[in-house]
N, C-alpha and C. Protein backbone atom coordinates (compact mmCIF):
# COMPACT_ATOMS: atom_id res chain seq x y z
N UNK A 1 76.79 107.97 97.63
CA UNK A 1 77.60 107.05 96.84
C UNK A 1 78.10 105.93 97.74
N UNK A 2 78.06 104.70 97.21
CA UNK A 2 78.58 103.57 97.97
C UNK A 2 79.84 103.03 97.30
N UNK A 3 80.84 102.72 98.08
CA UNK A 3 82.07 102.13 97.57
C UNK A 3 82.29 100.80 98.28
N UNK A 4 82.30 99.73 97.53
CA UNK A 4 82.63 98.41 98.07
C UNK A 4 84.11 98.15 97.78
N UNK A 5 84.85 97.72 98.79
CA UNK A 5 86.27 97.46 98.62
C UNK A 5 86.57 96.01 98.96
N UNK A 6 87.11 95.29 98.01
CA UNK A 6 87.55 93.92 98.23
C UNK A 6 89.04 93.96 98.54
N UNK A 7 89.40 93.62 99.75
CA UNK A 7 90.79 93.76 100.19
C UNK A 7 91.12 92.74 101.27
N UNK A 8 92.34 92.24 101.24
CA UNK A 8 92.82 91.35 102.29
C UNK A 8 93.18 92.11 103.56
N UNK A 9 93.26 93.44 103.47
CA UNK A 9 93.68 94.25 104.61
C UNK A 9 92.71 95.40 104.85
N UNK A 10 91.49 95.10 105.26
CA UNK A 10 90.51 96.17 105.50
C UNK A 10 90.94 97.15 106.58
N UNK A 11 91.80 96.71 107.50
CA UNK A 11 92.23 97.58 108.58
C UNK A 11 93.05 98.77 108.08
N UNK A 12 93.62 98.66 106.89
CA UNK A 12 94.40 99.77 106.34
C UNK A 12 93.54 101.00 106.05
N UNK A 13 92.22 100.80 105.93
CA UNK A 13 91.33 101.89 105.53
C UNK A 13 90.73 102.64 106.71
N UNK A 14 90.91 102.14 107.92
CA UNK A 14 90.21 102.70 109.07
C UNK A 14 90.52 104.19 109.28
N UNK A 15 91.79 104.53 109.37
CA UNK A 15 92.16 105.94 109.59
C UNK A 15 91.81 106.79 108.38
N UNK A 16 92.06 106.28 107.20
CA UNK A 16 91.76 107.02 105.98
C UNK A 16 90.30 107.42 105.91
N UNK A 17 89.40 106.50 106.23
CA UNK A 17 87.97 106.76 106.12
C UNK A 17 87.43 107.65 107.23
N UNK A 18 88.25 107.91 108.25
CA UNK A 18 87.81 108.76 109.35
C UNK A 18 88.45 110.14 109.31
N UNK A 19 89.21 110.43 108.25
CA UNK A 19 90.02 111.64 108.21
C UNK A 19 89.55 112.62 107.13
N UNK A 20 89.65 113.91 107.44
CA UNK A 20 89.43 115.00 106.49
C UNK A 20 88.04 114.91 105.84
N UNK A 21 87.94 115.34 104.59
CA UNK A 21 86.62 115.42 103.95
C UNK A 21 86.05 114.03 103.68
N UNK A 22 86.90 113.01 103.56
CA UNK A 22 86.37 111.64 103.41
C UNK A 22 85.63 111.24 104.68
N UNK A 23 86.22 111.56 105.83
CA UNK A 23 85.55 111.28 107.09
C UNK A 23 84.24 112.04 107.23
N UNK A 24 84.24 113.31 106.79
CA UNK A 24 83.00 114.10 106.85
C UNK A 24 81.94 113.52 105.93
N UNK A 25 82.36 113.07 104.75
CA UNK A 25 81.40 112.46 103.83
C UNK A 25 80.81 111.19 104.41
N UNK A 26 81.61 110.44 105.15
CA UNK A 26 81.10 109.24 105.82
C UNK A 26 80.07 109.61 106.88
N UNK A 27 80.37 110.66 107.65
CA UNK A 27 79.47 111.06 108.73
C UNK A 27 78.15 111.61 108.21
N UNK A 28 78.20 112.35 107.11
CA UNK A 28 76.98 112.96 106.57
C UNK A 28 76.15 111.99 105.74
N UNK A 29 76.74 110.85 105.39
CA UNK A 29 76.02 109.88 104.58
C UNK A 29 76.23 110.05 103.09
N UNK A 30 77.05 111.04 102.70
CA UNK A 30 77.35 111.20 101.27
C UNK A 30 78.15 110.02 100.74
N UNK A 31 78.89 109.37 101.63
CA UNK A 31 79.72 108.22 101.27
C UNK A 31 79.46 107.07 102.22
N UNK A 32 79.30 105.89 101.65
CA UNK A 32 79.17 104.66 102.43
C UNK A 32 80.19 103.68 101.89
N UNK A 33 81.05 103.16 102.75
CA UNK A 33 82.08 102.23 102.31
C UNK A 33 81.89 100.90 103.01
N UNK A 34 81.89 99.82 102.22
CA UNK A 34 81.82 98.47 102.76
C UNK A 34 83.14 97.76 102.44
N UNK A 35 83.81 97.29 103.46
CA UNK A 35 85.08 96.60 103.30
C UNK A 35 84.87 95.10 103.48
N UNK A 36 85.35 94.32 102.50
CA UNK A 36 85.19 92.87 102.58
C UNK A 36 86.49 92.18 102.21
N UNK A 37 86.87 91.22 103.02
CA UNK A 37 88.06 90.44 102.73
C UNK A 37 87.70 89.17 101.97
N UNK A 38 88.39 88.88 100.89
CA UNK A 38 88.14 87.62 100.18
C UNK A 38 88.48 86.41 101.04
N UNK A 39 89.21 86.61 102.13
CA UNK A 39 89.53 85.50 103.02
C UNK A 39 88.27 84.92 103.67
N UNK A 40 87.21 85.72 103.73
CA UNK A 40 85.93 85.20 104.24
C UNK A 40 85.42 84.07 103.37
N UNK A 41 85.89 84.01 102.14
CA UNK A 41 85.48 82.96 101.20
C UNK A 41 86.66 82.05 100.85
N UNK A 42 87.72 82.13 101.65
CA UNK A 42 88.91 81.33 101.40
C UNK A 42 88.65 79.84 101.62
N UNK A 43 89.59 79.05 101.18
CA UNK A 43 89.44 77.60 101.18
C UNK A 43 90.26 76.95 102.30
N UNK A 44 89.68 75.90 102.89
CA UNK A 44 90.39 75.11 103.86
C UNK A 44 90.52 75.77 105.23
N UNK A 45 91.27 75.10 106.08
CA UNK A 45 91.44 75.56 107.46
C UNK A 45 92.08 76.93 107.54
N UNK A 46 92.96 77.24 106.60
CA UNK A 46 93.68 78.52 106.62
C UNK A 46 93.04 79.60 105.75
N UNK A 47 91.85 79.32 105.24
CA UNK A 47 91.13 80.30 104.41
C UNK A 47 92.02 80.79 103.27
N UNK A 48 92.60 79.88 102.53
CA UNK A 48 93.53 80.22 101.47
C UNK A 48 92.84 80.98 100.34
N UNK A 49 93.50 82.05 99.87
CA UNK A 49 92.94 82.87 98.79
C UNK A 49 93.82 82.85 97.54
N UNK A 50 94.95 82.14 97.60
CA UNK A 50 95.89 82.12 96.49
C UNK A 50 96.42 80.71 96.26
N UNK A 51 97.13 80.54 95.15
CA UNK A 51 97.70 79.23 94.83
C UNK A 51 98.86 79.43 93.86
N UNK A 52 99.62 78.37 93.65
CA UNK A 52 100.77 78.44 92.74
C UNK A 52 100.29 78.56 91.30
N UNK A 53 101.02 79.25 90.46
CA UNK A 53 100.58 79.46 89.08
C UNK A 53 100.76 78.21 88.21
N UNK A 54 99.80 77.95 87.34
CA UNK A 54 99.96 76.92 86.32
C UNK A 54 101.13 77.28 85.43
N UNK A 55 101.91 76.28 85.04
CA UNK A 55 103.05 76.52 84.17
C UNK A 55 104.31 76.91 84.92
N UNK A 56 104.19 77.04 86.25
CA UNK A 56 105.35 77.39 87.05
C UNK A 56 105.58 78.89 87.13
N UNK A 57 106.55 79.27 87.90
CA UNK A 57 106.86 80.69 88.09
C UNK A 57 106.91 81.03 89.56
N UNK A 58 107.43 82.21 89.86
CA UNK A 58 107.58 82.64 91.24
C UNK A 58 106.29 83.23 91.78
N UNK A 59 106.15 83.19 93.09
CA UNK A 59 105.02 83.85 93.73
C UNK A 59 103.74 83.05 93.67
N UNK A 60 102.71 83.68 94.21
CA UNK A 60 101.38 83.08 94.29
C UNK A 60 100.38 83.96 93.55
N UNK A 61 99.32 83.34 93.06
CA UNK A 61 98.30 84.05 92.28
C UNK A 61 96.97 83.97 93.00
N UNK A 62 96.24 85.09 93.07
CA UNK A 62 94.95 85.11 93.74
C UNK A 62 93.93 84.32 92.94
N UNK A 63 93.15 83.49 93.62
CA UNK A 63 92.23 82.57 92.99
C UNK A 63 90.98 83.29 92.46
N UNK A 64 90.53 82.87 91.29
CA UNK A 64 89.34 83.46 90.70
C UNK A 64 88.08 83.10 91.48
N UNK A 65 87.98 81.85 91.98
CA UNK A 65 86.76 81.43 92.66
C UNK A 65 86.54 82.20 93.96
N UNK A 66 87.63 82.44 94.68
CA UNK A 66 87.53 83.17 95.95
C UNK A 66 87.15 84.63 95.71
N UNK A 67 87.80 85.27 94.77
CA UNK A 67 87.51 86.68 94.50
C UNK A 67 86.10 86.89 93.97
N UNK A 68 85.67 86.04 93.05
CA UNK A 68 84.32 86.18 92.51
C UNK A 68 83.28 85.93 93.59
N UNK A 69 83.54 84.98 94.48
CA UNK A 69 82.61 84.73 95.58
C UNK A 69 82.46 85.96 96.46
N UNK A 70 83.56 86.66 96.71
CA UNK A 70 83.51 87.88 97.52
C UNK A 70 82.73 88.97 96.80
N UNK A 71 82.98 89.15 95.50
CA UNK A 71 82.26 90.16 94.73
C UNK A 71 80.76 89.86 94.70
N UNK A 72 80.43 88.61 94.50
CA UNK A 72 79.02 88.23 94.42
C UNK A 72 78.32 88.35 95.77
N UNK A 73 79.06 88.13 96.85
CA UNK A 73 78.47 88.31 98.17
C UNK A 73 78.11 89.78 98.40
N UNK A 74 78.97 90.68 97.96
CA UNK A 74 78.67 92.11 98.07
C UNK A 74 77.46 92.47 97.22
N UNK A 75 77.38 91.91 96.02
CA UNK A 75 76.20 92.14 95.18
C UNK A 75 74.94 91.63 95.87
N UNK A 76 75.06 90.48 96.52
CA UNK A 76 73.91 89.91 97.21
C UNK A 76 73.43 90.80 98.35
N UNK A 77 74.38 91.39 99.07
CA UNK A 77 74.01 92.32 100.14
C UNK A 77 73.28 93.53 99.57
N UNK A 78 73.76 94.03 98.44
CA UNK A 78 73.10 95.17 97.81
C UNK A 78 71.68 94.80 97.37
N UNK A 79 71.53 93.62 96.78
CA UNK A 79 70.20 93.17 96.36
C UNK A 79 69.26 93.08 97.55
N UNK A 80 69.77 92.53 98.65
CA UNK A 80 68.93 92.36 99.83
C UNK A 80 68.50 93.68 100.45
N UNK A 81 69.32 94.70 100.28
CA UNK A 81 69.00 96.02 100.84
C UNK A 81 68.26 96.90 99.85
N UNK A 82 67.99 96.36 98.66
CA UNK A 82 67.32 97.16 97.63
C UNK A 82 68.19 98.25 97.06
N UNK A 83 69.51 98.04 97.09
CA UNK A 83 70.46 99.02 96.58
C UNK A 83 71.03 98.55 95.24
N UNK A 84 71.56 99.47 94.45
CA UNK A 84 72.15 99.08 93.16
C UNK A 84 73.43 98.29 93.34
N UNK A 85 73.67 97.37 92.44
CA UNK A 85 74.94 96.66 92.44
C UNK A 85 76.05 97.61 92.00
N UNK A 86 77.24 97.36 92.49
CA UNK A 86 78.36 98.25 92.21
C UNK A 86 79.02 97.93 90.87
N UNK A 87 79.52 98.97 90.23
CA UNK A 87 80.34 98.80 89.03
C UNK A 87 81.70 98.29 89.47
N UNK A 88 82.11 97.15 88.95
CA UNK A 88 83.34 96.50 89.40
C UNK A 88 84.57 97.06 88.69
N UNK A 89 85.54 97.50 89.49
CA UNK A 89 86.77 98.09 88.96
C UNK A 89 87.96 97.30 89.52
N UNK A 90 88.70 96.68 88.63
CA UNK A 90 89.87 95.91 89.02
C UNK A 90 91.09 96.84 89.04
N UNK A 91 91.81 96.85 90.15
CA UNK A 91 92.98 97.71 90.30
C UNK A 91 94.22 96.91 89.93
N UNK A 92 94.84 97.28 88.81
CA UNK A 92 95.95 96.52 88.26
C UNK A 92 96.86 97.42 87.45
N UNK A 93 98.19 97.18 87.45
CA UNK A 93 99.09 97.99 86.64
C UNK A 93 98.80 97.90 85.15
N UNK A 94 98.03 96.90 84.74
CA UNK A 94 97.70 96.74 83.33
C UNK A 94 96.46 97.52 82.91
N UNK A 95 95.82 98.20 83.85
CA UNK A 95 94.59 98.93 83.54
C UNK A 95 94.85 100.27 82.88
N UNK A 96 93.76 100.93 82.48
CA UNK A 96 93.87 102.27 81.90
C UNK A 96 94.31 103.25 82.98
N UNK A 97 95.13 104.23 82.63
CA UNK A 97 95.60 105.19 83.63
C UNK A 97 94.43 105.96 84.26
N UNK A 98 94.45 106.06 85.56
CA UNK A 98 93.41 106.78 86.28
C UNK A 98 93.62 108.28 86.11
N UNK A 99 92.65 108.95 85.51
CA UNK A 99 92.72 110.38 85.27
C UNK A 99 91.43 111.05 85.73
N UNK A 100 91.45 112.36 85.73
CA UNK A 100 90.31 113.11 86.25
C UNK A 100 88.99 112.77 85.56
N UNK A 101 88.96 112.60 84.23
CA UNK A 101 87.69 112.21 83.61
C UNK A 101 87.13 110.89 84.13
N UNK A 102 88.02 109.95 84.48
CA UNK A 102 87.55 108.69 85.06
C UNK A 102 87.00 108.93 86.45
N UNK A 103 87.67 109.78 87.23
CA UNK A 103 87.16 110.12 88.55
C UNK A 103 85.77 110.74 88.46
N UNK A 104 85.59 111.64 87.49
CA UNK A 104 84.28 112.28 87.32
C UNK A 104 83.22 111.26 86.93
N UNK A 105 83.59 110.34 86.04
CA UNK A 105 82.62 109.32 85.61
C UNK A 105 82.25 108.40 86.76
N UNK A 106 83.24 107.97 87.54
CA UNK A 106 82.94 107.07 88.65
C UNK A 106 82.14 107.76 89.75
N UNK A 107 82.36 109.07 89.92
CA UNK A 107 81.62 109.80 90.96
C UNK A 107 80.14 109.89 90.63
N UNK A 108 79.80 109.69 89.36
CA UNK A 108 78.39 109.72 88.94
C UNK A 108 77.71 108.37 89.13
N UNK A 109 78.48 107.34 89.44
CA UNK A 109 77.91 106.01 89.68
C UNK A 109 77.30 105.96 91.08
N UNK A 110 76.17 105.29 91.25
CA UNK A 110 75.62 105.15 92.60
C UNK A 110 76.48 104.27 93.49
N UNK A 111 77.21 103.33 92.86
CA UNK A 111 78.06 102.42 93.64
C UNK A 111 79.18 101.89 92.76
N UNK A 112 80.38 101.81 93.32
CA UNK A 112 81.51 101.20 92.63
C UNK A 112 82.15 100.17 93.55
N UNK A 113 82.78 99.17 92.96
CA UNK A 113 83.50 98.15 93.72
C UNK A 113 84.95 98.17 93.28
N UNK A 114 85.86 98.36 94.23
CA UNK A 114 87.28 98.40 93.96
C UNK A 114 87.91 97.10 94.44
N UNK A 115 88.50 96.34 93.51
CA UNK A 115 89.06 95.03 93.83
C UNK A 115 90.56 95.15 93.92
N UNK A 116 91.10 94.96 95.13
CA UNK A 116 92.53 95.11 95.40
C UNK A 116 93.23 93.77 95.32
N UNK A 117 94.33 93.74 94.58
CA UNK A 117 95.10 92.51 94.47
C UNK A 117 96.24 92.46 95.47
N UNK A 118 96.88 91.31 95.57
CA UNK A 118 98.08 91.10 96.37
C UNK A 118 98.88 89.99 95.70
N UNK A 119 100.01 89.69 96.27
CA UNK A 119 100.88 88.63 95.76
C UNK A 119 101.33 88.95 94.32
N UNK A 120 101.32 87.93 93.43
CA UNK A 120 101.80 88.13 92.06
C UNK A 120 100.70 88.57 91.10
N UNK A 121 99.50 88.80 91.63
CA UNK A 121 98.42 89.27 90.78
C UNK A 121 97.21 88.35 90.80
N UNK A 122 96.33 88.55 89.83
CA UNK A 122 95.06 87.83 89.75
C UNK A 122 95.14 86.68 88.75
N UNK A 123 94.37 85.65 89.01
CA UNK A 123 94.08 84.68 87.96
C UNK A 123 93.45 85.46 86.79
N UNK A 124 93.90 85.22 85.59
CA UNK A 124 93.45 85.96 84.41
C UNK A 124 91.94 85.98 84.27
N UNK A 125 91.28 84.93 84.73
CA UNK A 125 89.83 84.82 84.57
C UNK A 125 89.05 85.83 85.41
N UNK A 126 89.70 86.44 86.40
CA UNK A 126 89.04 87.48 87.19
C UNK A 126 88.59 88.61 86.29
N UNK A 127 89.37 88.89 85.23
CA UNK A 127 89.05 90.00 84.33
C UNK A 127 87.69 89.82 83.65
N UNK A 128 87.21 88.60 83.56
CA UNK A 128 85.91 88.34 82.93
C UNK A 128 84.75 88.75 83.82
N UNK A 129 85.04 89.11 85.07
CA UNK A 129 83.97 89.40 86.02
C UNK A 129 83.99 90.85 86.51
N UNK A 130 84.70 91.70 85.80
CA UNK A 130 84.75 93.12 86.16
C UNK A 130 84.35 93.97 84.96
N UNK A 131 83.98 95.22 85.24
CA UNK A 131 83.55 96.13 84.17
C UNK A 131 84.73 96.85 83.53
N UNK A 132 85.77 97.13 84.32
CA UNK A 132 86.92 97.85 83.78
C UNK A 132 88.12 97.64 84.69
N UNK A 133 89.30 97.99 84.16
CA UNK A 133 90.55 97.89 84.90
C UNK A 133 91.21 99.26 84.93
N UNK A 134 91.74 99.63 86.11
CA UNK A 134 92.31 100.96 86.30
C UNK A 134 93.67 100.83 86.98
N UNK A 135 94.60 101.69 86.58
CA UNK A 135 95.94 101.73 87.15
C UNK A 135 96.26 103.14 87.59
N UNK A 136 97.03 103.28 88.67
CA UNK A 136 97.50 104.60 89.09
C UNK A 136 98.62 105.10 88.20
N UNK A 137 99.32 104.21 87.52
CA UNK A 137 100.42 104.64 86.67
C UNK A 137 101.31 103.48 86.31
N UNK A 138 102.39 103.77 85.62
CA UNK A 138 103.29 102.73 85.14
C UNK A 138 104.31 102.34 86.19
N UNK A 139 103.82 101.78 87.27
CA UNK A 139 104.67 101.25 88.33
C UNK A 139 103.89 100.16 89.05
N UNK A 140 104.59 99.39 89.87
CA UNK A 140 103.96 98.24 90.53
C UNK A 140 104.08 98.39 92.04
N UNK A 141 102.97 98.15 92.74
CA UNK A 141 102.96 98.12 94.21
C UNK A 141 102.63 96.70 94.66
N UNK A 142 102.76 96.45 95.94
CA UNK A 142 102.50 95.10 96.43
C UNK A 142 101.01 94.83 96.60
N UNK A 143 100.19 95.84 96.51
CA UNK A 143 98.75 95.64 96.64
C UNK A 143 97.99 96.83 96.11
N UNK A 144 96.67 96.68 95.99
CA UNK A 144 95.85 97.73 95.40
C UNK A 144 95.23 98.68 96.40
N UNK A 145 95.56 98.54 97.69
CA UNK A 145 94.89 99.35 98.70
C UNK A 145 95.18 100.84 98.56
N UNK A 146 96.42 101.21 98.31
CA UNK A 146 96.75 102.63 98.14
C UNK A 146 96.03 103.20 96.92
N UNK A 147 95.96 102.41 95.85
CA UNK A 147 95.22 102.84 94.65
C UNK A 147 93.75 103.02 94.97
N UNK A 148 93.18 102.12 95.76
CA UNK A 148 91.77 102.25 96.13
C UNK A 148 91.52 103.53 96.91
N UNK A 149 92.41 103.85 97.84
CA UNK A 149 92.25 105.09 98.60
C UNK A 149 92.34 106.32 97.69
N UNK A 150 93.27 106.28 96.75
CA UNK A 150 93.41 107.40 95.83
C UNK A 150 92.14 107.59 95.00
N UNK A 151 91.56 106.50 94.54
CA UNK A 151 90.35 106.59 93.73
C UNK A 151 89.17 107.06 94.57
N UNK A 152 89.07 106.58 95.80
CA UNK A 152 87.99 107.04 96.68
C UNK A 152 88.10 108.54 96.90
N UNK A 153 89.30 109.02 97.21
CA UNK A 153 89.47 110.45 97.48
C UNK A 153 89.17 111.28 96.23
N UNK A 154 89.65 110.84 95.09
CA UNK A 154 89.46 111.62 93.86
C UNK A 154 88.00 111.66 93.43
N UNK A 155 87.25 110.61 93.69
CA UNK A 155 85.84 110.58 93.27
C UNK A 155 84.92 111.24 94.29
N UNK A 156 85.16 110.98 95.57
CA UNK A 156 84.26 111.50 96.60
C UNK A 156 84.30 113.02 96.66
N UNK A 157 85.47 113.62 96.42
CA UNK A 157 85.58 115.07 96.49
C UNK A 157 84.77 115.75 95.39
N UNK A 158 84.34 114.99 94.37
CA UNK A 158 83.54 115.55 93.29
C UNK A 158 82.04 115.47 93.58
N UNK A 159 81.65 114.77 94.65
CA UNK A 159 80.24 114.67 94.98
C UNK A 159 79.71 116.02 95.45
N UNK A 160 78.49 116.38 95.08
CA UNK A 160 77.94 117.68 95.47
C UNK A 160 77.94 117.87 96.98
N UNK A 161 78.47 119.02 97.41
CA UNK A 161 78.44 119.37 98.82
C UNK A 161 79.57 118.83 99.66
N UNK A 162 80.38 117.92 99.13
CA UNK A 162 81.43 117.32 99.94
C UNK A 162 82.53 118.32 100.27
N UNK A 163 82.98 119.09 99.27
CA UNK A 163 84.03 120.08 99.51
C UNK A 163 83.46 121.41 99.97
N UNK A 164 82.21 121.68 99.64
CA UNK A 164 81.59 122.94 100.05
C UNK A 164 81.83 124.08 99.08
N UNK A 165 82.83 123.96 98.19
CA UNK A 165 83.12 125.01 97.22
C UNK A 165 83.29 124.37 95.85
N UNK A 166 82.21 124.34 95.08
CA UNK A 166 82.25 123.69 93.77
C UNK A 166 83.21 124.40 92.82
N UNK A 167 83.42 125.70 93.01
CA UNK A 167 84.30 126.46 92.12
C UNK A 167 85.73 125.95 92.18
N UNK A 168 86.17 125.51 93.35
CA UNK A 168 87.55 125.03 93.49
C UNK A 168 87.79 123.79 92.65
N UNK A 169 86.78 122.95 92.50
CA UNK A 169 86.92 121.75 91.69
C UNK A 169 87.05 122.10 90.22
N UNK A 170 86.32 123.13 89.77
CA UNK A 170 86.37 123.51 88.36
C UNK A 170 87.70 124.13 87.98
N UNK A 171 88.33 124.86 88.91
CA UNK A 171 89.52 125.61 88.58
C UNK A 171 90.83 124.86 88.82
N UNK A 172 90.82 123.76 89.57
CA UNK A 172 92.06 123.10 89.92
C UNK A 172 92.64 122.31 88.75
N UNK A 173 93.85 121.79 88.93
CA UNK A 173 94.51 121.03 87.87
C UNK A 173 93.64 119.87 87.41
N UNK A 174 93.62 119.65 86.09
CA UNK A 174 92.87 118.56 85.46
C UNK A 174 91.36 118.73 85.62
N UNK A 175 90.92 119.97 85.88
CA UNK A 175 89.50 120.24 86.01
C UNK A 175 88.81 120.35 84.67
N UNK A 176 87.74 121.14 84.62
CA UNK A 176 86.93 121.21 83.41
C UNK A 176 87.71 121.73 82.21
N UNK A 177 88.66 122.65 82.45
CA UNK A 177 89.44 123.21 81.35
C UNK A 177 90.49 122.24 80.83
N UNK A 178 90.83 121.22 81.60
CA UNK A 178 91.83 120.25 81.17
C UNK A 178 93.25 120.75 81.29
N UNK A 179 93.46 121.85 82.04
CA UNK A 179 94.79 122.44 82.20
C UNK A 179 95.28 122.26 83.63
N UNK A 180 96.58 122.48 83.84
CA UNK A 180 97.10 122.55 85.19
C UNK A 180 96.66 123.85 85.83
N UNK A 181 96.54 123.85 87.13
CA UNK A 181 96.05 125.04 87.83
C UNK A 181 97.09 126.16 87.79
N UNK A 182 96.61 127.38 87.76
CA UNK A 182 97.47 128.56 87.81
C UNK A 182 98.18 128.65 89.17
N UNK A 183 99.28 129.41 89.26
CA UNK A 183 100.00 129.55 90.54
C UNK A 183 99.14 130.23 91.60
N UNK A 184 99.30 129.80 92.84
CA UNK A 184 98.57 130.37 93.97
C UNK A 184 99.55 131.00 94.95
N UNK A 185 99.11 132.09 95.60
CA UNK A 185 99.96 132.79 96.58
C UNK A 185 99.11 133.19 97.79
N UNK A 186 99.78 133.31 98.93
CA UNK A 186 99.15 133.86 100.12
C UNK A 186 100.21 134.62 100.91
N UNK A 187 99.89 135.12 102.08
CA UNK A 187 100.84 135.86 102.90
C UNK A 187 101.99 134.96 103.35
N UNK A 188 103.20 135.51 103.51
CA UNK A 188 103.57 136.93 103.41
C UNK A 188 103.73 137.40 101.97
N UNK A 189 103.66 138.70 101.77
CA UNK A 189 103.76 139.27 100.42
C UNK A 189 105.17 139.12 99.85
N UNK A 190 106.16 139.00 100.74
CA UNK A 190 107.54 138.81 100.28
C UNK A 190 108.21 137.81 101.20
N UNK A 191 108.95 136.87 100.61
CA UNK A 191 109.67 135.88 101.41
C UNK A 191 111.00 135.58 100.74
N UNK A 192 112.08 136.00 101.42
CA UNK A 192 113.44 135.74 100.96
C UNK A 192 113.66 136.14 99.50
N UNK A 193 113.18 137.31 99.19
CA UNK A 193 113.36 137.84 97.85
C UNK A 193 112.33 137.39 96.84
N UNK A 194 111.41 136.55 97.24
CA UNK A 194 110.36 136.07 96.33
C UNK A 194 109.06 136.80 96.65
N UNK A 195 108.53 137.51 95.67
CA UNK A 195 107.32 138.29 95.88
C UNK A 195 106.09 137.67 95.24
N UNK A 196 105.00 138.42 95.35
CA UNK A 196 103.72 138.02 94.77
C UNK A 196 103.48 138.87 93.52
N UNK A 197 103.03 138.29 92.42
CA UNK A 197 102.76 139.08 91.22
C UNK A 197 101.84 140.27 91.52
N UNK A 198 102.21 141.43 90.98
CA UNK A 198 101.47 142.66 91.27
C UNK A 198 100.01 142.57 90.89
N UNK A 199 99.72 141.85 89.81
CA UNK A 199 98.33 141.79 89.34
C UNK A 199 97.41 141.19 90.40
N UNK A 200 97.92 140.26 91.22
CA UNK A 200 97.09 139.61 92.23
C UNK A 200 96.78 140.55 93.39
N UNK A 201 97.68 141.50 93.64
CA UNK A 201 97.46 142.44 94.73
C UNK A 201 96.68 143.68 94.28
N UNK A 202 96.44 143.79 92.97
CA UNK A 202 95.79 144.99 92.46
C UNK A 202 94.29 145.02 92.65
N UNK A 203 93.67 143.88 92.83
CA UNK A 203 92.22 143.83 93.07
C UNK A 203 91.37 143.98 91.83
N UNK A 204 91.96 143.96 90.64
CA UNK A 204 91.21 144.09 89.39
C UNK A 204 90.83 142.68 88.93
N UNK A 205 89.59 142.31 89.15
CA UNK A 205 89.18 140.91 88.96
C UNK A 205 89.31 140.44 87.52
N UNK A 206 89.01 141.29 86.57
CA UNK A 206 89.12 140.90 85.17
C UNK A 206 90.58 140.63 84.80
N UNK A 207 91.47 141.49 85.28
CA UNK A 207 92.90 141.32 85.00
C UNK A 207 93.45 140.07 85.69
N UNK A 208 92.96 139.81 86.89
CA UNK A 208 93.39 138.61 87.63
C UNK A 208 92.95 137.36 86.88
N UNK A 209 91.71 137.35 86.40
CA UNK A 209 91.20 136.19 85.66
C UNK A 209 92.00 135.97 84.38
N UNK A 210 92.32 137.05 83.71
CA UNK A 210 93.11 136.96 82.48
C UNK A 210 94.50 136.40 82.77
N UNK A 211 95.11 136.89 83.85
CA UNK A 211 96.45 136.43 84.24
C UNK A 211 96.42 134.94 84.59
N UNK A 212 95.41 134.54 85.33
CA UNK A 212 95.31 133.13 85.73
C UNK A 212 95.12 132.21 84.53
N UNK A 213 94.30 132.62 83.59
CA UNK A 213 94.10 131.81 82.38
C UNK A 213 95.41 131.65 81.61
N UNK A 214 96.14 132.74 81.49
CA UNK A 214 97.41 132.70 80.75
C UNK A 214 98.44 131.84 81.48
N UNK A 215 98.47 131.95 82.80
CA UNK A 215 99.41 131.16 83.59
C UNK A 215 99.09 129.67 83.52
N UNK A 216 97.81 129.33 83.55
CA UNK A 216 97.41 127.92 83.47
C UNK A 216 97.84 127.33 82.14
N UNK A 217 97.63 128.07 81.06
CA UNK A 217 98.02 127.59 79.75
C UNK A 217 99.54 127.46 79.64
N UNK A 218 100.27 128.48 80.12
CA UNK A 218 101.72 128.46 80.04
C UNK A 218 102.30 127.31 80.87
N UNK A 219 101.75 127.10 82.08
CA UNK A 219 102.25 126.04 82.94
C UNK A 219 101.98 124.66 82.33
N UNK A 220 100.81 124.50 81.74
CA UNK A 220 100.48 123.23 81.10
C UNK A 220 101.38 122.96 79.91
N UNK A 221 101.62 124.00 79.11
CA UNK A 221 102.48 123.86 77.94
C UNK A 221 103.91 123.48 78.36
N UNK A 222 104.39 124.03 79.48
CA UNK A 222 105.75 123.77 79.93
C UNK A 222 105.90 122.43 80.64
N UNK A 223 104.88 122.07 81.44
CA UNK A 223 105.04 120.89 82.29
C UNK A 223 104.33 119.64 81.75
N UNK A 224 103.20 119.83 81.12
CA UNK A 224 102.43 118.69 80.63
C UNK A 224 101.88 118.97 79.23
N UNK A 225 102.75 119.11 78.23
CA UNK A 225 102.26 119.37 76.86
C UNK A 225 101.38 118.25 76.34
N UNK A 226 101.51 117.07 76.91
CA UNK A 226 100.67 115.95 76.48
C UNK A 226 99.19 116.23 76.74
N UNK A 227 98.89 117.04 77.76
CA UNK A 227 97.49 117.37 78.04
C UNK A 227 96.90 118.23 76.93
N UNK A 228 97.70 119.14 76.40
CA UNK A 228 97.22 119.97 75.30
C UNK A 228 97.04 119.14 74.03
N UNK A 229 97.95 118.18 73.81
CA UNK A 229 97.83 117.31 72.65
C UNK A 229 96.58 116.44 72.75
N UNK A 230 96.30 115.94 73.96
CA UNK A 230 95.11 115.11 74.15
C UNK A 230 93.85 115.90 73.94
N UNK A 231 93.86 117.17 74.42
CA UNK A 231 92.69 118.03 74.26
C UNK A 231 92.43 118.29 72.79
N UNK A 232 93.49 118.52 72.02
CA UNK A 232 93.35 118.80 70.59
C UNK A 232 92.79 117.61 69.85
N UNK A 233 93.15 116.40 70.30
CA UNK A 233 92.68 115.19 69.65
C UNK A 233 91.31 114.73 70.15
N UNK A 234 90.83 115.40 71.21
CA UNK A 234 89.54 115.00 71.77
C UNK A 234 89.62 113.76 72.60
N UNK A 235 90.81 113.46 73.17
CA UNK A 235 90.98 112.24 73.94
C UNK A 235 90.51 112.38 75.37
N UNK A 236 90.31 113.62 75.83
CA UNK A 236 89.97 113.82 77.23
C UNK A 236 88.51 114.20 77.38
């Protein structure tokens, strides 16, 4: 899988891309990341990438011509290498909430492009040059880089062989069942009056599976009833 990232701060990704399973995926070739700054296509002596908004207002807005030039340059590199062009994903608080089904869908793409904003946002016309818009949630950050890292981690871990244990992906929160994950325990068996459920120590696999299913449903009903409502409506 290839991930193209359009960002004014490519240096923010260096440690992230070298760490944990993302770093292993990079080393094995399961993941290839290309970082490009739109400043390479900036205007004038200072390589300007933003300008004041029409109609007035505070802050600066990222220019459509500069961003599209950066996206098209990445497409051109892909064409020259005989690789597929990336699906363009704009990272914005106005996008659809990023959820596990989106991570699964993006992980099936041969290449995605994550466009990170800064300043007061994008020129509205940028939206005409992307395939979709995604948001981490109903809050605002100063840039899209953290969102890009979150999306990379959530999608790459779904690639075959990256985690090494496909079963863990199926059973975790927001997995195939659409529920939150059941409670997990490890040693010590008792800590400050808090013990481990007897069923887990009994070694009866059928009973353990039954307990885990019930716990996942109960936890989802208590903490995220909206997930059960979405499942019933077929929204997920």
